[in-house]
Amino acid sequence: MREGGEPNTPLTALVGIVFAIVLFVVVVFLQAFFYQQQQAENARKVVAVAPEQLSQLRSQQLGELHGYRWVDEKAGIVAIPIGRAMELVVRDGGRSPWPSVQPPPPSPPPTPPPHPAVPKR
C-alpha cells in the first residue's frame, strides 16, 4: 500500500498478469503430461499385450514353419522347415523336382484391341 492507504494498482495488475501467464503455462504443461501418460498407459495395457488366441496362433504357425511334420502320411509327403526348404530351392536354382509344381511359363504380352475405323468426311 501507498502512504495514503491506496493499493499500488500497476503492481497489482502486473502480479495478476504474471500469475495468469504462469497458471496458463502450468495447465498446458499438465495437460500435455496427462496425454503423454495416457498414451503410454494405453500402449502398455492394450497394444503391447497380445491376445491369448493370437499368441497361440503365432506359436503354432512358427512351429509349422520351423519343424518337420506329415502333410500326407499315406502319400509320404513331409513338410520341412522353411530354412531348409529355402536352402534346397537355392541349391536347385529355383526348380522343383515335381513337374506339377513348376512355375508357369511367362505368358505372351496381351495384344491391344483393334481400333474401330472412323469414317472420313
PDB file of N, CA and C in Angstrom:
ATOM      1  N   MET A   1       0.825  -1.180   0.000  1.00  0.00           N
ATOM      2  CA  MET A   1       0.000   0.000   0.000  1.00  0.00           C
ATOM      3  C   MET A   1       0.870   1.245   0.000  1.00  0.00           C
ATOM      4  N   ARG A   2       0.281   2.248  -0.520  1.00  0.00           N
ATOM      5  CA  ARG A   2       0.986   3.517  -0.565  1.00  0.00           C
ATOM      6  C   ARG A   2       0.770   4.249   0.750  1.00  0.00           C
ATOM      7  N   GLU A   3       1.354   5.369   0.835  1.00  0.00           N
ATOM      8  CA  GLU A   3       1.272   6.142   2.067  1.00  0.00           C
ATOM      9  C   GLU A   3      -0.151   6.543   2.407  1.00  0.00           C
ATOM     10  N   GLY A   4      -0.940   6.832   1.418  1.00  0.00           N
ATOM     11  CA  GLY A   4      -2.291   7.303   1.663  1.00  0.00           C
ATOM     12  C   GLY A   4      -3.268   6.157   1.858  1.00  0.00           C
ATOM     13  N   GLY A   5      -2.793   4.917   1.915  1.00  0.00           N
ATOM     14  CA  GLY A   5      -3.669   3.785   2.111  1.00  0.00           C
ATOM     15  C   GLY A   5      -4.238   3.222   0.824  1.00  0.00           C
ATOM     16  N   GLU A   6      -3.819   3.726  -0.316  1.00  0.00           N
ATOM     17  CA  GLU A   6      -4.329   3.207  -1.575  1.00  0.00           C
ATOM     18  C   GLU A   6      -3.402   2.120  -2.107  1.00  0.00           C
ATOM     19  N   PRO A   7      -3.990   1.080  -2.708  1.00  0.00           N
ATOM     20  CA  PRO A   7      -3.155  -0.007  -3.250  1.00  0.00           C
ATOM     21  C   PRO A   7      -2.390   0.465  -4.479  1.00  0.00           C
ATOM     22  N   ASN A   8      -1.275  -0.195  -4.742  1.00  0.00           N
ATOM     23  CA  ASN A   8      -0.444   0.100  -5.906  1.00  0.00           C
ATOM     24  C   ASN A   8      -1.056  -0.628  -7.109  1.00  0.00           C
ATOM     25  N   THR A   9      -1.858   0.075  -7.887  1.00  0.00           N
ATOM     26  CA  THR A   9      -2.605  -0.536  -8.981  1.00  0.00           C
ATOM     27  C   THR A   9      -1.703  -1.126 -10.060  1.00  0.00           C
ATOM     28  N   PRO A  10      -0.684  -0.455 -10.539  1.00  0.00           N
ATOM     29  CA  PRO A  10       0.161  -1.064 -11.575  1.00  0.00           C
ATOM     30  C   PRO A  10       0.855  -2.333 -11.089  1.00  0.00           C
ATOM     31  N   LEU A  11       1.318  -2.346  -9.860  1.00  0.00           N
ATOM     32  CA  LEU A  11       1.976  -3.539  -9.317  1.00  0.00           C
ATOM     33  C   LEU A  11       0.976  -4.682  -9.178  1.00  0.00           C
ATOM     34  N   THR A  12      -0.217  -4.392  -8.720  1.00  0.00           N
ATOM     35  CA  THR A  12      -1.247  -5.415  -8.585  1.00  0.00           C
ATOM     36  C   THR A  12      -1.613  -5.986  -9.947  1.00  0.00           C
ATOM     37  N   ALA A  13      -1.737  -5.136 -10.960  1.00  0.00           N
ATOM     38  CA  ALA A  13      -2.058  -5.598 -12.309  1.00  0.00           C
ATOM     39  C   ALA A  13      -0.921  -6.460 -12.856  1.00  0.00           C
ATOM     40  N   LEU A  14       0.305  -6.049 -12.627  1.00  0.00           N
ATOM     41  CA  LEU A  14       1.458  -6.822 -13.100  1.00  0.00           C
ATOM     42  C   LEU A  14       1.498  -8.193 -12.438  1.00  0.00           C
ATOM     43  N   VAL A  15       1.294  -8.246 -11.144  1.00  0.00           N
ATOM     44  CA  VAL A  15       1.292  -9.537 -10.433  1.00  0.00           C
ATOM     45  C   VAL A  15       0.156 -10.418 -10.954  1.00  0.00           C
ATOM     46  N   GLY A  16      -1.010  -9.832 -11.191  1.00  0.00           N
ATOM     47  CA  GLY A  16      -2.142 -10.604 -11.714  1.00  0.00           C
ATOM     48  C   GLY A  16      -1.849 -11.159 -13.103  1.00  0.00           C
ATOM     49  N   ILE A  17      -1.251 -10.356 -13.971  1.00  0.00           N
ATOM     50  CA  ILE A  17      -0.937 -10.801 -15.331  1.00  0.00           C
ATOM     51  C   ILE A  17       0.126 -11.905 -15.298  1.00  0.00           C
ATOM     52  N   VAL A  18       1.158 -11.722 -14.499  1.00  0.00           N
ATOM     53  CA  VAL A  18       2.206 -12.750 -14.389  1.00  0.00           C
ATOM     54  C   VAL A  18       1.611 -14.038 -13.837  1.00  0.00           C
ATOM     55  N   PHE A  19       0.774 -13.944 -12.827  1.00  0.00           N
ATOM     56  CA  PHE A  19       0.147 -15.139 -12.262  1.00  0.00           C
ATOM     57  C   PHE A  19      -0.721 -15.846 -13.308  1.00  0.00           C
ATOM     58  N   ALA A  20      -1.467 -15.089 -14.107  1.00  0.00           N
ATOM     59  CA  ALA A  20      -2.321 -15.687 -15.137  1.00  0.00           C
ATOM     60  C   ALA A  20      -1.481 -16.400 -16.191  1.00  0.00           C
ATOM     61  N   ILE A  21      -0.363 -15.803 -16.580  1.00  0.00           N
ATOM     62  CA  ILE A  21       0.524 -16.440 -17.565  1.00  0.00           C
ATOM     63  C   ILE A  21       1.124 -17.720 -16.994  1.00  0.00           C
ATOM     64  N   VAL A  22       1.607 -17.663 -15.758  1.00  0.00           N
ATOM     65  CA  VAL A  22       2.186 -18.854 -15.123  1.00  0.00           C
ATOM     66  C   VAL A  22       1.125 -19.939 -14.979  1.00  0.00           C
ATOM     67  N   LEU A  23      -0.077 -19.575 -14.610  1.00  0.00           N
ATOM     68  CA  LEU A  23      -1.156 -20.552 -14.469  1.00  0.00           C
ATOM     69  C   LEU A  23      -1.466 -21.201 -15.816  1.00  0.00           C
ATOM     70  N   PHE A  24      -1.523 -20.405 -16.879  1.00  0.00           N
ATOM     71  CA  PHE A  24      -1.782 -20.940 -18.215  1.00  0.00           C
ATOM     72  C   PHE A  24      -0.690 -21.928 -18.627  1.00  0.00           C
ATOM     73  N   VAL A  25       0.567 -21.575 -18.399  1.00  0.00           N
ATOM     74  CA  VAL A  25       1.690 -22.454 -18.757  1.00  0.00           C
ATOM     75  C   VAL A  25       1.617 -23.751 -17.958  1.00  0.00           C
ATOM     76  N   VAL A  26       1.318 -23.685 -16.689  1.00  0.00           N
ATOM     77  CA  VAL A  26       1.219 -24.885 -15.857  1.00  0.00           C
ATOM     78  C   VAL A  26       0.076 -25.780 -16.336  1.00  0.00           C
ATOM     79  N   VAL A  27      -1.067 -25.210 -16.674  1.00  0.00           N
ATOM     80  CA  VAL A  27      -2.209 -26.001 -17.156  1.00  0.00           C
ATOM     81  C   VAL A  27      -1.857 -26.686 -18.472  1.00  0.00           C
ATOM     82  N   VAL A  28      -1.232 -25.966 -19.401  1.00  0.00           N
ATOM     83  CA  VAL A  28      -0.843 -26.560 -20.686  1.00  0.00           C
ATOM     84  C   VAL A  28       0.166 -27.682 -20.454  1.00  0.00           C
ATOM     85  N   PHE A  29       1.138 -27.460 -19.593  1.00  0.00           N
ATOM     86  CA  PHE A  29       2.133 -28.487 -19.288  1.00  0.00           C
ATOM     87  C   PHE A  29       1.474 -29.728 -18.682  1.00  0.00           C
ATOM     88  N   LEU A  30       0.590 -29.539 -17.726  1.00  0.00           N
ATOM     89  CA  LEU A  30      -0.076 -30.678 -17.097  1.00  0.00           C
ATOM     90  C   LEU A  30      -0.960 -31.430 -18.084  1.00  0.00           C
ATOM     91  N   GLN A  31      -1.611 -30.716 -18.983  1.00  0.00           N
ATOM     92  CA  GLN A  31      -2.445 -31.389 -19.977  1.00  0.00           C
ATOM     93  C   GLN A  31      -1.578 -32.205 -20.929  1.00  0.00           C
ATOM     94  N   ALA A  32      -0.458 -31.663 -21.378  1.00  0.00           N
ATOM     95  CA  ALA A  32       0.446 -32.396 -22.261  1.00  0.00           C
ATOM     96  C   ALA A  32       1.003 -33.620 -21.543  1.00  0.00           C
ATOM     97  N   PHE A  33       1.367 -33.461 -20.281  1.00  0.00           N
ATOM     98  CA  PHE A  33       1.880 -34.583 -19.497  1.00  0.00           C
ATOM     99  C   PHE A  33       0.808 -35.666 -19.343  1.00  0.00           C
ATOM    100  N   PHE A  34      -0.423 -35.252 -19.096  1.00  0.00           N
ATOM    101  CA  PHE A  34      -1.520 -36.210 -18.948  1.00  0.00           C
ATOM    102  C   PHE A  34      -1.721 -37.007 -20.231  1.00  0.00           C
ATOM    103  N   TYR A  35      -1.768 -36.322 -21.390  1.00  0.00           N
ATOM    104  CA  TYR A  35      -1.971 -37.025 -22.657  1.00  0.00           C
ATOM    105  C   TYR A  35      -0.820 -37.981 -22.959  1.00  0.00           C
ATOM    106  N   GLN A  36       0.406 -37.576 -22.636  1.00  0.00           N
ATOM    107  CA  GLN A  36       1.552 -38.450 -22.859  1.00  0.00           C
ATOM    108  C   GLN A  36       1.454 -39.686 -21.984  1.00  0.00           C
ATOM    109  N   GLN A  37       1.090 -39.514 -20.722  1.00  0.00           N
ATOM    110  CA  GLN A  37       0.948 -40.648 -19.818  1.00  0.00           C
ATOM    111  C   GLN A  37      -0.220 -41.539 -20.231  1.00  0.00           C
ATOM    112  N   GLN A  38      -1.291 -40.948 -20.732  1.00  0.00           N
ATOM    113  CA  GLN A  38      -2.442 -41.727 -21.183  1.00  0.00           C
ATOM    114  C   GLN A  38      -2.053 -42.599 -22.376  1.00  0.00           C
ATOM    115  N   GLN A  39      -1.300 -42.058 -23.319  1.00  0.00           N
ATOM    116  CA  GLN A  39      -0.858 -42.849 -24.460  1.00  0.00           C
ATOM    117  C   GLN A  39       0.086 -43.958 -24.036  1.00  0.00           C
ATOM    118  N   ALA A  40       0.987 -43.670 -23.103  1.00  0.00           N
ATOM    119  CA  ALA A  40       1.914 -44.689 -22.626  1.00  0.00           C
ATOM    120  C   ALA A  40       1.159 -45.817 -21.920  1.00  0.00           C
ATOM    121  N   GLU A  41       0.177 -45.462 -21.128  1.00  0.00           N
ATOM    122  CA  GLU A  41      -0.621 -46.467 -20.412  1.00  0.00           C
ATOM    123  C   GLU A  41      -1.453 -47.296 -21.395  1.00  0.00           C
ATOM    124  N   ASN A  42      -2.015 -46.638 -22.407  1.00  0.00           N
ATOM    125  CA  ASN A  42      -2.781 -47.357 -23.424  1.00  0.00           C
ATOM    126  C   ASN A  42      -1.879 -48.341 -24.160  1.00  0.00           C
ATOM    127  N   ALA A  43      -0.677 -47.904 -24.520  1.00  0.00           N
ATOM    128  CA  ALA A  43       0.257 -48.798 -25.197  1.00  0.00           C
ATOM    129  C   ALA A  43       0.639 -49.965 -24.300  1.00  0.00           C
ATOM    130  N   ARG A  44       0.834 -49.706 -23.034  1.00  0.00           N
ATOM    131  CA  ARG A  44       1.241 -50.765 -22.109  1.00  0.00           C
ATOM    132  C   ARG A  44       0.129 -51.782 -21.903  1.00  0.00           C
ATOM    133  N   LYS A  45      -1.097 -51.316 -21.792  1.00  0.00           N
ATOM    134  CA  LYS A  45      -2.207 -52.217 -21.461  1.00  0.00           C
ATOM    135  C   LYS A  45      -2.861 -52.848 -22.683  1.00  0.00           C
ATOM    136  N   VAL A  46      -2.938 -52.124 -23.795  1.00  0.00           N
ATOM    137  CA  VAL A  46      -3.712 -52.603 -24.935  1.00  0.00           C
ATOM    138  C   VAL A  46      -2.812 -53.070 -26.076  1.00  0.00           C
ATOM    139  N   VAL A  47      -1.900 -52.228 -26.498  1.00  0.00           N
ATOM    140  CA  VAL A  47      -1.120 -52.509 -27.694  1.00  0.00           C
ATOM    141  C   VAL A  47      -0.048 -53.558 -27.430  1.00  0.00           C
ATOM    142  N   ALA A  48       0.649 -53.456 -26.322  1.00  0.00           N
ATOM    143  CA  ALA A  48       1.775 -54.349 -26.065  1.00  0.00           C
ATOM    144  C   ALA A  48       1.336 -55.747 -25.656  1.00  0.00           C
ATOM    145  N   VAL A  49       0.130 -55.916 -25.210  1.00  0.00           N
ATOM    146  CA  VAL A  49      -0.332 -57.221 -24.755  1.00  0.00           C
ATOM    147  C   VAL A  49      -1.089 -57.891 -25.894  1.00  0.00           C
ATOM    148  N   ALA A  50      -0.514 -58.971 -26.387  1.00  0.00           N
ATOM    149  CA  ALA A  50      -1.177 -59.711 -27.465  1.00  0.00           C
ATOM    150  C   ALA A  50      -2.256 -60.603 -26.863  1.00  0.00           C
ATOM    151  N   PRO A  51      -3.398 -60.688 -27.504  1.00  0.00           N
ATOM    152  CA  PRO A  51      -4.435 -61.584 -27.014  1.00  0.00           C
ATOM    153  C   PRO A  51      -3.933 -63.032 -26.987  1.00  0.00           C
ATOM    154  N   GLU A  52      -4.488 -63.812 -26.102  1.00  0.00           N
ATOM    155  CA  GLU A  52      -4.038 -65.189 -25.910  1.00  0.00           C
ATOM    156  C   GLU A  52      -4.199 -66.008 -27.185  1.00  0.00           C
ATOM    157  N   GLN A  53      -5.311 -65.866 -27.885  1.00  0.00           N
ATOM    158  CA  GLN A  53      -5.518 -66.637 -29.110  1.00  0.00           C
ATOM    159  C   GLN A  53      -4.475 -66.285 -30.161  1.00  0.00           C
ATOM    160  N   LEU A  54      -4.157 -65.004 -30.275  1.00  0.00           N
ATOM    161  CA  LEU A  54      -3.168 -64.574 -31.252  1.00  0.00           C
ATOM    162  C   LEU A  54      -1.796 -65.143 -30.908  1.00  0.00           C
ATOM    163  N   SER A  55      -1.447 -65.143 -29.650  1.00  0.00           N
ATOM    164  CA  SER A  55      -0.164 -65.709 -29.231  1.00  0.00           C
ATOM    165  C   SER A  55      -0.096 -67.199 -29.547  1.00  0.00           C
ATOM    166  N   GLN A  56      -1.183 -67.905 -29.277  1.00  0.00           N
ATOM    167  CA  GLN A  56      -1.206 -69.335 -29.568  1.00  0.00           C
ATOM    168  C   GLN A  56      -1.120 -69.592 -31.062  1.00  0.00           C
ATOM    169  N   LEU A  57      -1.832 -68.805 -31.868  1.00  0.00           N
ATOM    170  CA  LEU A  57      -1.799 -68.976 -33.312  1.00  0.00           C
ATOM    171  C   LEU A  57      -0.407 -68.703 -33.861  1.00  0.00           C
ATOM    172  N   ARG A  58       0.234 -67.659 -33.375  1.00  0.00           N
ATOM    173  CA  ARG A  58       1.593 -67.346 -33.831  1.00  0.00           C
ATOM    174  C   ARG A  58       2.564 -68.470 -33.480  1.00  0.00           C
ATOM    175  N   SER A  59       2.486 -68.990 -32.279  1.00  0.00           N
ATOM    176  CA  SER A  59       3.403 -70.067 -31.897  1.00  0.00           C
ATOM    177  C   SER A  59       3.121 -71.321 -32.718  1.00  0.00           C
ATOM    178  N   GLN A  60       1.860 -71.599 -33.023  1.00  0.00           N
ATOM    179  CA  GLN A  60       1.517 -72.757 -33.854  1.00  0.00           C
ATOM    180  C   GLN A  60       2.082 -72.570 -35.272  1.00  0.00           C
ATOM    181  N   GLN A  61       1.918 -71.382 -35.827  1.00  0.00           N
ATOM    182  CA  GLN A  61       2.421 -71.121 -37.175  1.00  0.00           C
ATOM    183  C   GLN A  61       3.943 -71.194 -37.221  1.00  0.00           C
ATOM    184  N   LEU A  62       4.611 -70.663 -36.201  1.00  0.00           N
ATOM    185  CA  LEU A  62       6.070 -70.755 -36.161  1.00  0.00           C
ATOM    186  C   LEU A  62       6.521 -72.205 -36.043  1.00  0.00           C
ATOM    187  N   GLY A  63       5.784 -73.005 -35.270  1.00  0.00           N
ATOM    188  CA  GLY A  63       6.106 -74.422 -35.160  1.00  0.00           C
ATOM    189  C   GLY A  63       5.963 -75.124 -36.502  1.00  0.00           C
ATOM    190  N   GLU A  64       4.927 -74.775 -37.253  1.00  0.00           N
ATOM    191  CA  GLU A  64       4.742 -75.390 -38.569  1.00  0.00           C
ATOM    192  C   GLU A  64       5.812 -74.925 -39.549  1.00  0.00           C
ATOM    193  N   LEU A  65       6.252 -73.680 -39.441  1.00  0.00           N
ATOM    194  CA  LEU A  65       7.269 -73.174 -40.359  1.00  0.00           C
ATOM    195  C   LEU A  65       8.652 -73.743 -40.083  1.00  0.00           C
ATOM    196  N   HIS A  66       8.950 -74.015 -38.829  1.00  0.00           N
ATOM    197  CA  HIS A  66      10.311 -74.382 -38.450  1.00  0.00           C
ATOM    198  C   HIS A  66      10.462 -75.838 -38.016  1.00  0.00           C
ATOM    199  N   GLY A  67       9.479 -76.672 -38.310  1.00  0.00           N
ATOM    200  CA  GLY A  67       9.576 -78.059 -37.889  1.00  0.00           C
ATOM    201  C   GLY A  67       9.186 -79.020 -38.997  1.00  0.00           C
ATOM    202  N   TYR A  68       9.506 -80.282 -38.771  1.00  0.00           N
ATOM    203  CA  TYR A  68       9.092 -81.342 -39.692  1.00  0.00           C
ATOM    204  C   TYR A  68       7.719 -81.834 -39.275  1.00  0.00           C
ATOM    205  N   ARG A  69       6.888 -82.172 -40.257  1.00  0.00           N
ATOM    206  CA  ARG A  69       5.571 -82.738 -39.950  1.00  0.00           C
ATOM    207  C   ARG A  69       5.051 -83.449 -41.185  1.00  0.00           C
ATOM    208  N   TRP A  70       4.130 -84.334 -40.951  1.00  0.00           N
ATOM    209  CA  TRP A  70       3.489 -85.043 -42.059  1.00  0.00           C
ATOM    210  C   TRP A  70       2.418 -84.168 -42.680  1.00  0.00           C
ATOM    211  N   VAL A  71       2.446 -84.044 -43.990  1.00  0.00           N
ATOM    212  CA  VAL A  71       1.366 -83.389 -44.716  1.00  0.00           C
ATOM    213  C   VAL A  71       0.354 -84.452 -45.115  1.00  0.00           C
ATOM    214  N   ASP A  72       0.864 -85.549 -45.702  1.00  0.00           N
ATOM    215  CA  ASP A  72       0.039 -86.698 -46.074  1.00  0.00           C
ATOM    216  C   ASP A  72       0.878 -87.942 -45.833  1.00  0.00           C
ATOM    217  N   GLU A  73       0.611 -88.597 -44.716  1.00  0.00           N
ATOM    218  CA  GLU A  73       1.433 -89.744 -44.320  1.00  0.00           C
ATOM    219  C   GLU A  73       1.283 -90.897 -45.305  1.00  0.00           C
ATOM    220  N   LYS A  74       0.078 -91.105 -45.834  1.00  0.00           N
ATOM    221  CA  LYS A  74      -0.144 -92.211 -46.772  1.00  0.00           C
ATOM    222  C   LYS A  74       0.636 -91.999 -48.066  1.00  0.00           C
ATOM    223  N   ALA A  75       0.692 -90.744 -48.529  1.00  0.00           N
ATOM    224  CA  ALA A  75       1.412 -90.453 -49.768  1.00  0.00           C
ATOM    225  C   ALA A  75       2.895 -90.209 -49.515  1.00  0.00           C
ATOM    226  N   GLY A  76       3.299 -90.167 -48.254  1.00  0.00           N
ATOM    227  CA  GLY A  76       4.705 -89.954 -47.916  1.00  0.00           C
ATOM    228  C   GLY A  76       5.167 -88.523 -48.100  1.00  0.00           C
ATOM    229  N   ILE A  77       4.259 -87.564 -47.947  1.00  0.00           N
ATOM    230  CA  ILE A  77       4.609 -86.152 -48.115  1.00  0.00           C
ATOM    231  C   ILE A  77       4.879 -85.538 -46.740  1.00  0.00           C
ATOM    232  N   VAL A  78       6.069 -84.960 -46.619  1.00  0.00           N
ATOM    233  CA  VAL A  78       6.510 -84.389 -45.347  1.00  0.00           C
ATOM    234  C   VAL A  78       6.815 -82.908 -45.562  1.00  0.00           C
ATOM    235  N   ALA A  79       6.418 -82.072 -44.612  1.00  0.00           N
ATOM    236  CA  ALA A  79       6.788 -80.657 -44.632  1.00  0.00           C
ATOM    237  C   ALA A  79       8.117 -80.513 -43.911  1.00  0.00           C
ATOM    238  N   ILE A  80       8.990 -79.704 -44.492  1.00  0.00           N
ATOM    239  CA  ILE A  80      10.304 -79.489 -43.886  1.00  0.00           C
ATOM    240  C   ILE A  80      10.392 -78.053 -43.393  1.00  0.00           C
ATOM    241  N   PRO A  81      11.361 -77.759 -42.514  1.00  0.00           N
ATOM    242  CA  PRO A  81      11.496 -76.387 -42.015  1.00  0.00           C
ATOM    243  C   PRO A  81      11.751 -75.407 -43.168  1.00  0.00           C
ATOM    244  N   ILE A  82      11.268 -74.211 -43.013  1.00  0.00           N
ATOM    245  CA  ILE A  82      11.351 -73.203 -44.060  1.00  0.00           C
ATOM    246  C   ILE A  82      12.795 -72.872 -44.417  1.00  0.00           C
ATOM    247  N   GLY A  83      13.668 -72.859 -43.448  1.00  0.00           N
ATOM    248  CA  GLY A  83      15.079 -72.573 -43.730  1.00  0.00           C
ATOM    249  C   GLY A  83      15.698 -73.627 -44.625  1.00  0.00           C
ATOM    250  N   ARG A  84      15.408 -74.882 -44.333  1.00  0.00           N
ATOM    251  CA  ARG A  84      15.920 -75.980 -45.160  1.00  0.00           C
ATOM    252  C   ARG A  84      15.307 -75.923 -46.561  1.00  0.00           C
ATOM    253  N   ALA A  85      14.035 -75.603 -46.666  1.00  0.00           N
ATOM    254  CA  ALA A  85      13.383 -75.504 -47.971  1.00  0.00           C
ATOM    255  C   ALA A  85      14.026 -74.402 -48.805  1.00  0.00           C
ATOM    256  N   MET A  86      14.341 -73.267 -48.189  1.00  0.00           N
ATOM    257  CA  MET A  86      14.977 -72.182 -48.934  1.00  0.00           C
ATOM    258  C   MET A  86      16.365 -72.600 -49.406  1.00  0.00           C
ATOM    259  N   GLU A  87      17.104 -73.330 -48.563  1.00  0.00           N
ATOM    260  CA  GLU A  87      18.419 -73.824 -48.980  1.00  0.00           C
ATOM    261  C   GLU A  87      18.292 -74.729 -50.200  1.00  0.00           C
ATOM    262  N   LEU A  88      17.311 -75.622 -50.188  1.00  0.00           N
ATOM    263  CA  LEU A  88      17.123 -76.541 -51.310  1.00  0.00           C
ATOM    264  C   LEU A  88      16.720 -75.798 -52.584  1.00  0.00           C
ATOM    265  N   VAL A  89      15.881 -74.793 -52.461  1.00  0.00           N
ATOM    266  CA  VAL A  89      15.474 -74.021 -53.636  1.00  0.00           C
ATOM    267  C   VAL A  89      16.680 -73.305 -54.233  1.00  0.00           C
ATOM    268  N   VAL A  90      17.508 -72.718 -53.391  1.00  0.00           N
ATOM    269  CA  VAL A  90      18.696 -72.026 -53.886  1.00  0.00           C
ATOM    270  C   VAL A  90      19.652 -73.021 -54.526  1.00  0.00           C
ATOM    271  N   ARG A  91      19.832 -74.165 -53.890  1.00  0.00           N
ATOM    272  CA  ARG A  91      20.740 -75.186 -54.416  1.00  0.00           C
ATOM    273  C   ARG A  91      20.279 -75.678 -55.788  1.00  0.00           C
ATOM    274  N   ASP A  92      18.977 -75.843 -55.967  1.00  0.00           N
ATOM    275  CA  ASP A  92      18.434 -76.366 -57.217  1.00  0.00           C
ATOM    276  C   ASP A  92      18.128 -75.277 -58.231  1.00  0.00           C
ATOM    277  N   GLY A  93      18.467 -74.060 -57.951  1.00  0.00           N
ATOM    278  CA  GLY A  93      18.247 -72.980 -58.898  1.00  0.00           C
ATOM    279  C   GLY A  93      16.797 -72.595 -59.053  1.00  0.00           C
ATOM    280  N   GLY A  94      15.970 -72.856 -58.071  1.00  0.00           N
ATOM    281  CA  GLY A  94      14.568 -72.465 -58.114  1.00  0.00           C
ATOM    282  C   GLY A  94      13.669 -73.459 -58.810  1.00  0.00           C
ATOM    283  N   ARG A  95      14.210 -74.569 -59.264  1.00  0.00           N
ATOM    284  CA  ARG A  95      13.404 -75.574 -59.953  1.00  0.00           C
ATOM    285  C   ARG A  95      12.912 -76.604 -58.946  1.00  0.00           C
ATOM    286  N   SER A  96      11.683 -77.044 -59.133  1.00  0.00           N
ATOM    287  CA  SER A  96      11.072 -78.036 -58.255  1.00  0.00           C
ATOM    288  C   SER A  96      11.268 -79.429 -58.843  1.00  0.00           C
ATOM    289  N   PRO A  97      11.454 -80.465 -58.025  1.00  0.00           N
ATOM    290  CA  PRO A  97      11.574 -81.822 -58.552  1.00  0.00           C
ATOM    291  C   PRO A  97      10.234 -82.371 -59.041  1.00  0.00           C
ATOM    292  N   TRP A  98       9.148 -81.706 -58.732  1.00  0.00           N
ATOM    293  CA  TRP A  98       7.831 -82.172 -59.152  1.00  0.00           C
ATOM    294  C   TRP A  98       7.362 -81.343 -60.337  1.00  0.00           C
ATOM    295  N   PRO A  99       7.039 -81.992 -61.462  1.00  0.00           N
ATOM    296  CA  PRO A  99       6.629 -81.219 -62.638  1.00  0.00           C
ATOM    297  C   PRO A  99       5.383 -80.382 -62.409  1.00  0.00           C
ATOM    298  N   SER A 100       4.476 -80.845 -61.580  1.00  0.00           N
ATOM    299  CA  SER A 100       3.237 -80.100 -61.380  1.00  0.00           C
ATOM    300  C   SER A 100       3.431 -78.842 -60.542  1.00  0.00           C
ATOM    301  N   VAL A 101       4.599 -78.693 -59.946  1.00  0.00           N
ATOM    302  CA  VAL A 101       4.844 -77.553 -59.071  1.00  0.00           C
ATOM    303  C   VAL A 101       5.713 -76.503 -59.759  1.00  0.00           C
ATOM    304  N   GLN A 102       6.112 -76.749 -60.997  1.00  0.00           N
ATOM    305  CA  GLN A 102       6.969 -75.808 -61.712  1.00  0.00           C
ATOM    306  C   GLN A 102       6.214 -74.493 -61.932  1.00  0.00           C
ATOM    307  N   PRO A 103       6.923 -73.386 -61.919  1.00  0.00           N
ATOM    308  CA  PRO A 103       6.255 -72.114 -62.203  1.00  0.00           C
ATOM    309  C   PRO A 103       5.774 -72.109 -63.642  1.00  0.00           C
ATOM    310  N   PRO A 104       4.666 -71.475 -63.910  1.00  0.00           N
ATOM    311  CA  PRO A 104       4.152 -71.444 -65.276  1.00  0.00           C
ATOM    312  C   PRO A 104       5.081 -70.628 -66.175  1.00  0.00           C
ATOM    313  N   PRO A 105       5.143 -70.986 -67.457  1.00  0.00           N
ATOM    314  CA  PRO A 105       5.979 -70.184 -68.362  1.00  0.00           C
ATOM    315  C   PRO A 105       5.385 -68.799 -68.509  1.00  0.00           C
ATOM    316  N   PRO A 106       6.231 -67.839 -68.815  1.00  0.00           N
ATOM    317  CA  PRO A 106       5.703 -66.471 -68.956  1.00  0.00           C
ATOM    318  C   PRO A 106       4.711 -66.411 -70.103  1.00  0.00           C
ATOM    319  N   SER A 107       3.631 -65.712 -69.878  1.00  0.00           N
ATOM    320  CA  SER A 107       2.608 -65.589 -70.912  1.00  0.00           C
ATOM    321  C   SER A 107       2.999 -64.480 -71.875  1.00  0.00           C
ATOM    322  N   PRO A 108       2.569 -64.612 -73.146  1.00  0.00           N
ATOM    323  CA  PRO A 108       2.901 -63.550 -74.107  1.00  0.00           C
ATOM    324  C   PRO A 108       2.166 -62.265 -73.730  1.00  0.00           C
ATOM    325  N   PRO A 109       2.721 -61.141 -74.125  1.00  0.00           N
ATOM    326  CA  PRO A 109       2.052 -59.881 -73.765  1.00  0.00           C
ATOM    327  C   PRO A 109       0.695 -59.810 -74.452  1.00  0.00           C
ATOM    328  N   PRO A 110      -0.268 -59.189 -73.794  1.00  0.00           N
ATOM    329  CA  PRO A 110      -1.607 -59.101 -74.384  1.00  0.00           C
ATOM    330  C   PRO A 110      -1.582 -58.235 -75.642  1.00  0.00           C
ATOM    331  N   THR A 111      -2.383 -58.661 -76.610  1.00  0.00           N
ATOM    332  CA  THR A 111      -2.468 -57.880 -77.843  1.00  0.00           C
ATOM    333  C   THR A 111      -3.478 -56.760 -77.643  1.00  0.00           C
ATOM    334  N   PRO A 112      -3.165 -55.590 -78.145  1.00  0.00           N
ATOM    335  CA  PRO A 112      -4.111 -54.477 -77.964  1.00  0.00           C
ATOM    336  C   PRO A 112      -5.346 -54.708 -78.818  1.00  0.00           C
ATOM    337  N   PRO A 113      -6.497 -54.249 -78.356  1.00  0.00           N
ATOM    338  CA  PRO A 113      -7.714 -54.413 -79.143  1.00  0.00           C
ATOM    339  C   PRO A 113      -7.646 -53.570 -80.411  1.00  0.00           C
ATOM    340  N   PRO A 114      -8.255 -54.064 -81.496  1.00  0.00           N
ATOM    341  CA  PRO A 114      -8.195 -53.282 -82.738  1.00  0.00           C
ATOM    342  C   PRO A 114      -8.985 -51.986 -82.596  1.00  0.00           C
ATOM    343  N   HIS A 115      -8.485 -50.947 -83.221  1.00  0.00           N
ATOM    344  CA  HIS A 115      -9.145 -49.654 -83.164  1.00  0.00           C
ATOM    345  C   HIS A 115     -10.285 -49.621 -84.206  1.00  0.00           C
ATOM    346  N   PRO A 116     -11.452 -49.165 -83.831  1.00  0.00           N
ATOM    347  CA  PRO A 116     -12.530 -49.094 -84.822  1.00  0.00           C
ATOM    348  C   PRO A 116     -12.205 -48.040 -85.889  1.00  0.00           C
ATOM    349  N   ALA A 117     -12.558 -48.390 -87.084  1.00  0.00           N
ATOM    350  CA  ALA A 117     -12.300 -47.466 -88.185  1.00  0.00           C
ATOM    351  C   ALA A 117     -13.258 -46.280 -88.107  1.00  0.00           C
ATOM    352  N   VAL A 118     -12.735 -45.115 -88.211  1.00  0.00           N
ATOM    353  CA  VAL A 118     -13.542 -43.909 -88.185  1.00  0.00           C
ATOM    354  C   VAL A 118     -13.706 -43.430 -89.629  1.00  0.00           C
ATOM    355  N   PRO A 119     -14.942 -43.360 -90.099  1.00  0.00           N
ATOM    356  CA  PRO A 119     -15.140 -42.920 -91.491  1.00  0.00           C
ATOM    357  C   PRO A 119     -14.729 -41.453 -91.656  1.00  0.00           C
ATOM    358  N   LYS A 120     -14.094 -41.189 -92.786  1.00  0.00           N
ATOM    359  CA  LYS A 120     -13.666 -39.822 -93.064  1.00  0.00           C
ATOM    360  C   LYS A 120     -14.799 -39.059 -93.715  1.00  0.00           C
ATOM    361  N   ARG A 121     -14.886 -37.812 -93.477  1.00  0.00           N
ATOM    362  CA  ARG A 121     -15.977 -36.989 -94.024  1.00  0.00           C
ATOM    363  C   ARG A 121     -15.469 -36.078 -95.081  1.00  0.00           C
TER     364      ARG A 121
END
